Amino acid sequence: MLIATILLMAVPVQQAEAATYSPLFLKVEGPTLVSVSEMNQYTITGVGGPAESGGNYSFAAYVTGSQSDFTGFVRPLAGVSARSTFLVNVTAPNLGQTMTLFINMTSTKGLDTERASTSIVITVVNPIVISARVVNQGSMGVSGVPVKFLADGKQLYNTTIDLAAGESRTLVYNWTAQGISSGEHLVTVELDPNGQFVRFASGGTLFTQTIFVGGNDFGNINLLMVMMFILLLVLAYFIYKRPTKKKKKK
């Protein structure tokens, strides 16, 4: 009698190694209050996932608005890199509303992949435009003249300007600060705070104007709808202070 013997050998199946990477964390940073049609930069940062030990991070971005005729956009729409930080530019729509920037990120190494998503809500407003036209009516050029923009005594913006003799420039600041209340506000433009280079024809270095900010409501979102305010400083002129020569005593 022939007896067939079948020998079964158990071959151990090699199990995939347990993930040793940390969970993927994603964040996006940038301004949450912007002017209509304004472009701003946002930073996308991912931490963790398989890519933290030598893989790649990739992202995809898109933006939506609360109005049906939304004209905002984001560039670039996607990217991939071994580094986990990306920069995108978001251009706001030409109408006040809210828009949302959505980010999807993937962390990959080999066959291991982990994904994360996040978003940031951005309020788009019509800003208070403060525009100051400054004229150098002197015979000499000046440089580095300080200029400050203030509202209700608080500094909004400061810069310096250079002007050749007879030259004029228009300085513009878009006021979109959080929490601008409705009602009257005192806007001030201050030229050369130390009185070193310039003054107005009146003899001072300050020009003030009271403006009124009105409120409007779009759905459940309060947006600032304000009149455009133009400050024309056509009477400003520059005075170049030269040291006087002392007469020698005989």
Protein backbone atom coordinates (compact mmCIF):
# COMPACT_ATOMS: atom_id res chain seq x y z
CA MET A 1 0.00 0.00 0.00
CA LEU A 2 1.33 3.35 -0.97
CA ILE A 3 0.75 6.12 1.51
CA ALA A 4 1.10 9.63 0.26
CA THR A 5 2.37 12.01 2.82
CA ILE A 6 1.78 15.70 2.35
CA LEU A 7 4.03 17.97 4.32
CA LEU A 8 2.58 21.39 4.90
CA MET A 9 5.09 24.04 5.79
CA ALA A 10 3.91 27.24 7.41
CA VAL A 11 5.73 30.23 5.95
CA PRO A 12 5.42 33.35 8.20
CA VAL A 13 4.05 36.38 6.44
CA GLN A 14 6.12 39.50 7.05
CA GLN A 15 3.93 42.23 8.48
CA ALA A 16 4.28 45.86 7.49
CA GLU A 17 6.27 47.88 9.96
CA ALA A 18 4.22 50.01 12.28
CA ALA A 19 4.21 53.69 11.39
CA THR A 20 6.92 55.52 13.25
CA TYR A 21 6.04 59.01 12.10
CA SER A 22 3.95 61.60 13.92
CA PRO A 23 0.49 62.62 12.67
CA LEU A 24 0.35 65.24 9.92
CA PHE A 25 -0.44 68.71 11.27
CA LEU A 26 -1.36 71.52 8.88
CA LYS A 27 -1.82 75.25 9.34
CA VAL A 28 -2.21 78.33 7.13
CA GLU A 29 -1.28 81.84 8.24
CA GLY A 30 -2.02 85.27 6.76
CA PRO A 31 -4.24 88.33 7.13
CA THR A 32 -7.91 87.71 7.91
CA LEU A 33 -9.07 91.23 7.01
CA VAL A 34 -8.15 92.55 3.56
CA SER A 35 -9.18 95.23 1.07
CA VAL A 36 -11.13 94.55 -2.10
CA SER A 37 -8.90 93.51 -5.05
CA GLU A 38 -5.88 93.38 -2.72
CA MET A 39 -3.29 90.59 -3.03
CA ASN A 40 -1.81 89.06 0.12
CA GLN A 41 0.60 86.23 0.81
CA TYR A 42 -0.29 83.21 2.97
CA THR A 43 2.07 80.66 4.47
CA ILE A 44 1.15 76.96 4.43
CA THR A 45 3.03 74.74 6.87
CA GLY A 46 2.80 70.97 7.32
CA VAL A 47 4.48 69.00 10.10
CA GLY A 48 4.64 65.23 10.45
CA GLY A 49 3.40 62.34 8.35
CA PRO A 50 5.62 59.91 6.39
CA ALA A 51 7.49 62.75 4.69
CA GLU A 52 9.15 63.85 7.92
CA SER A 53 11.76 61.10 7.44
CA GLY A 54 12.71 61.90 3.87
CA GLY A 55 9.57 62.01 1.72
CA ASN A 56 7.64 64.78 -0.03
CA TYR A 57 4.89 67.20 0.96
CA SER A 58 2.35 68.36 -1.60
CA PHE A 59 -0.59 70.76 -1.40
CA ALA A 60 -3.63 71.84 -3.36
CA ALA A 61 -5.38 75.19 -2.74
CA TYR A 62 -8.64 76.81 -3.78
CA VAL A 63 -10.71 79.78 -2.62
CA THR A 64 -14.45 80.43 -2.50
CA GLY A 65 -16.58 83.49 -1.74
CA SER A 66 -19.94 84.27 -0.19
CA GLN A 67 -21.12 86.17 -3.27
CA SER A 68 -22.26 84.41 -6.44
CA ASP A 69 -20.10 86.59 -8.70
CA PHE A 70 -16.89 85.81 -6.81
CA THR A 71 -13.76 87.04 -8.61
CA GLY A 72 -11.03 86.15 -6.10
CA PHE A 73 -8.33 83.58 -6.84
CA VAL A 74 -5.23 81.88 -5.42
CA ARG A 75 -1.86 81.22 -7.10
CA PRO A 76 -0.23 78.75 -7.27
CA LEU A 77 -2.99 76.15 -7.06
CA ALA A 78 -0.66 73.29 -6.10
CA GLY A 79 2.94 72.41 -5.29
CA VAL A 80 5.25 69.62 -4.14
CA SER A 81 8.52 69.76 -2.22
CA ALA A 82 10.65 67.94 0.32
CA ARG A 83 10.16 70.99 2.46
CA SER A 84 6.86 71.36 4.29
CA THR A 85 6.38 75.12 3.87
CA PHE A 86 4.69 76.73 0.86
CA LEU A 87 3.67 80.29 -0.05
CA VAL A 88 0.53 81.22 -1.99
CA ASN A 89 -0.85 84.58 -3.10
CA VAL A 90 -4.57 85.24 -2.64
CA THR A 91 -6.20 88.05 -4.61
CA ALA A 92 -9.41 89.33 -3.03
CA PRO A 93 -12.57 89.88 -5.09
CA ASN A 94 -13.69 93.34 -6.16
CA LEU A 95 -16.78 93.24 -3.90
CA GLY A 96 -16.89 93.21 -0.09
CA GLN A 97 -17.75 89.75 1.30
CA THR A 98 -16.13 86.81 3.06
CA MET A 99 -13.95 84.29 1.28
CA THR A 100 -12.45 81.02 2.45
CA LEU A 101 -9.03 79.67 1.50
CA PHE A 102 -8.98 75.85 1.58
CA ILE A 103 -5.74 73.85 1.77
CA ASN A 104 -5.30 70.08 1.30
CA MET A 105 -1.88 68.62 2.07
CA THR A 106 -0.38 65.16 1.53
CA SER A 107 2.68 63.77 3.30
CA THR A 108 4.20 60.86 1.36
CA LYS A 109 7.15 58.48 1.55
CA GLY A 110 7.12 55.37 -0.60
CA LEU A 111 3.70 53.74 -0.25
CA ASP A 112 2.91 55.52 3.00
CA THR A 113 0.59 58.51 2.68
CA GLU A 114 -1.21 60.75 5.13
CA ARG A 115 -3.52 63.66 4.34
CA ALA A 116 -4.74 66.72 6.21
CA SER A 117 -6.98 69.70 5.38
CA THR A 118 -7.52 73.14 6.84
CA SER A 119 -8.98 76.52 5.89
CA ILE A 120 -8.91 80.20 6.83
CA VAL A 121 -11.82 82.64 6.60
CA ILE A 122 -10.93 86.07 5.20
CA THR A 123 -13.15 89.15 5.42
CA VAL A 124 -12.97 91.41 2.36
CA VAL A 125 -13.91 95.05 2.96
CA ASN A 126 -14.01 98.37 1.17
CA PRO A 127 -11.24 100.27 2.98
CA ILE A 128 -11.07 103.86 4.09
CA VAL A 129 -8.58 105.26 1.58
CA ILE A 130 -6.38 107.99 3.03
CA SER A 131 -4.55 109.76 0.23
CA ALA A 132 -2.09 112.60 0.84
CA ARG A 133 -0.60 114.64 -1.99
CA VAL A 134 2.61 116.37 -0.98
CA VAL A 135 4.34 119.01 -3.09
CA ASN A 136 7.91 120.17 -2.76
CA GLN A 137 7.74 123.83 -3.65
CA GLY A 138 11.28 124.47 -2.52
CA SER A 139 14.36 124.88 -4.69
CA MET A 140 16.22 121.90 -3.23
CA GLY A 141 15.47 118.20 -2.98
CA VAL A 142 14.99 116.39 0.32
CA SER A 143 15.12 112.71 1.28
CA GLY A 144 13.96 110.53 4.16
CA VAL A 145 11.21 112.88 5.30
CA PRO A 146 8.98 110.99 7.79
CA VAL A 147 5.20 110.84 7.31
CA LYS A 148 2.66 109.36 9.73
CA PHE A 149 -1.00 108.44 9.27
CA LEU A 150 -3.11 108.36 12.45
CA ALA A 151 -6.74 107.74 13.37
CA ASP A 152 -8.17 108.85 16.69
CA GLY A 153 -4.66 109.42 17.98
CA LYS A 154 -3.38 105.91 17.16
CA GLN A 155 -0.73 105.41 14.51
CA LEU A 156 -1.90 103.48 11.47
CA TYR A 157 1.14 103.68 9.22
CA ASN A 158 4.44 105.46 8.86
CA THR A 159 6.86 105.87 5.99
CA THR A 160 9.46 108.23 4.54
CA ILE A 161 9.47 110.09 1.26
CA ASP A 162 12.07 111.60 -1.08
CA LEU A 163 11.20 114.58 -3.26
CA ALA A 164 13.24 116.53 -5.76
CA ALA A 165 12.72 120.25 -6.06
CA GLY A 166 9.31 120.93 -7.60
CA GLU A 167 8.27 117.26 -7.41
CA SER A 168 4.96 116.01 -5.97
CA ARG A 169 3.94 112.57 -4.71
CA THR A 170 0.72 110.98 -3.54
CA LEU A 171 0.89 108.70 -0.51
CA VAL A 172 -1.96 106.19 -0.10
CA TYR A 173 -2.91 104.06 2.90
CA ASN A 174 -5.85 101.61 2.98
CA TRP A 175 -7.28 101.54 6.49
CA THR A 176 -8.82 98.10 7.12
CA ALA A 177 -8.12 97.60 10.82
CA GLN A 178 -10.28 95.17 12.78
CA GLY A 179 -13.04 96.74 14.77
CA ILE A 180 -13.40 100.12 13.08
CA SER A 181 -16.58 101.33 14.75
CA SER A 182 -19.33 103.26 13.01
CA GLY A 183 -19.44 106.99 13.62
CA GLU A 184 -16.97 109.84 13.52
CA HIS A 185 -13.20 109.37 13.42
CA LEU A 186 -10.42 111.93 13.38
CA VAL A 187 -7.82 111.16 10.71
CA THR A 188 -4.45 112.91 10.91
CA VAL A 189 -1.51 113.11 8.53
CA GLU A 190 1.69 114.28 10.17
CA LEU A 191 4.62 115.49 8.08
CA ASP A 192 8.08 115.61 9.55
CA PRO A 193 7.04 115.17 13.23
CA ASN A 194 10.20 116.87 14.50
CA GLY A 195 9.72 119.91 12.26
CA GLN A 196 13.10 119.34 10.71
CA PHE A 197 12.45 119.54 6.99
CA VAL A 198 8.87 120.42 6.14
CA ARG A 199 5.82 122.33 7.18
CA PHE A 200 2.47 123.36 5.77
CA ALA A 201 1.77 126.83 4.46
CA SER A 202 -0.14 127.46 7.68
CA GLY A 203 3.08 126.92 9.62
CA GLY A 204 2.17 123.57 11.19
CA THR A 205 3.04 119.96 10.39
CA LEU A 206 -0.38 118.37 11.03
CA PHE A 207 -3.40 118.08 8.78
CA THR A 208 -6.60 116.69 10.32
CA GLN A 209 -10.01 115.74 8.96
CA THR A 210 -13.10 114.24 10.56
CA ILE A 211 -14.69 111.36 8.62
CA PHE A 212 -17.82 109.30 9.17
CA VAL A 213 -17.80 105.51 8.93
CA GLY A 214 -21.13 103.86 8.14
CA GLY A 215 -22.10 100.21 8.70
CA ASN A 216 -23.83 97.74 6.42
CA ASP A 217 -24.88 94.13 6.80
CA PHE A 218 -24.51 91.31 4.24
CA GLY A 219 -26.35 88.28 5.65
CA ASN A 220 -24.84 87.49 9.05
CA ILE A 221 -21.56 89.23 8.29
CA ASN A 222 -20.89 92.83 9.14
CA LEU A 223 -18.74 94.42 6.48
CA LEU A 224 -17.32 97.91 6.58
CA MET A 225 -18.84 100.04 3.86
CA VAL A 226 -17.15 103.38 4.07
CA MET A 227 -16.88 106.41 1.91
CA MET A 228 -13.61 107.01 0.16
CA PHE A 229 -11.73 109.75 1.89
CA ILE A 230 -9.16 111.77 -0.04
CA LEU A 231 -6.84 114.12 1.73
CA LEU A 232 -5.20 116.61 -0.61
CA LEU A 233 -2.26 118.40 0.90
CA VAL A 234 -1.69 120.75 -1.98
CA LEU A 235 -0.49 123.59 0.21
CA ALA A 236 2.43 121.69 1.70
CA TYR A 237 5.89 122.86 0.83
CA PHE A 238 9.34 121.87 1.84
CA ILE A 239 11.89 124.02 3.52
CA TYR A 240 15.49 122.95 3.42
CA LYS A 241 17.29 124.08 6.52
CA ARG A 242 20.87 124.95 5.80
CA PRO A 243 23.23 125.83 8.63
CA THR A 244 24.02 129.53 8.79
CA LYS A 245 27.66 130.54 8.57
CA LYS A 246 29.04 132.36 11.56
CA LYS A 247 30.95 135.54 10.88
CA LYS A 248 34.55 135.49 11.93
CA LYS A 249 35.50 137.96 14.60
CA LYS A 250 38.15 140.43 13.61
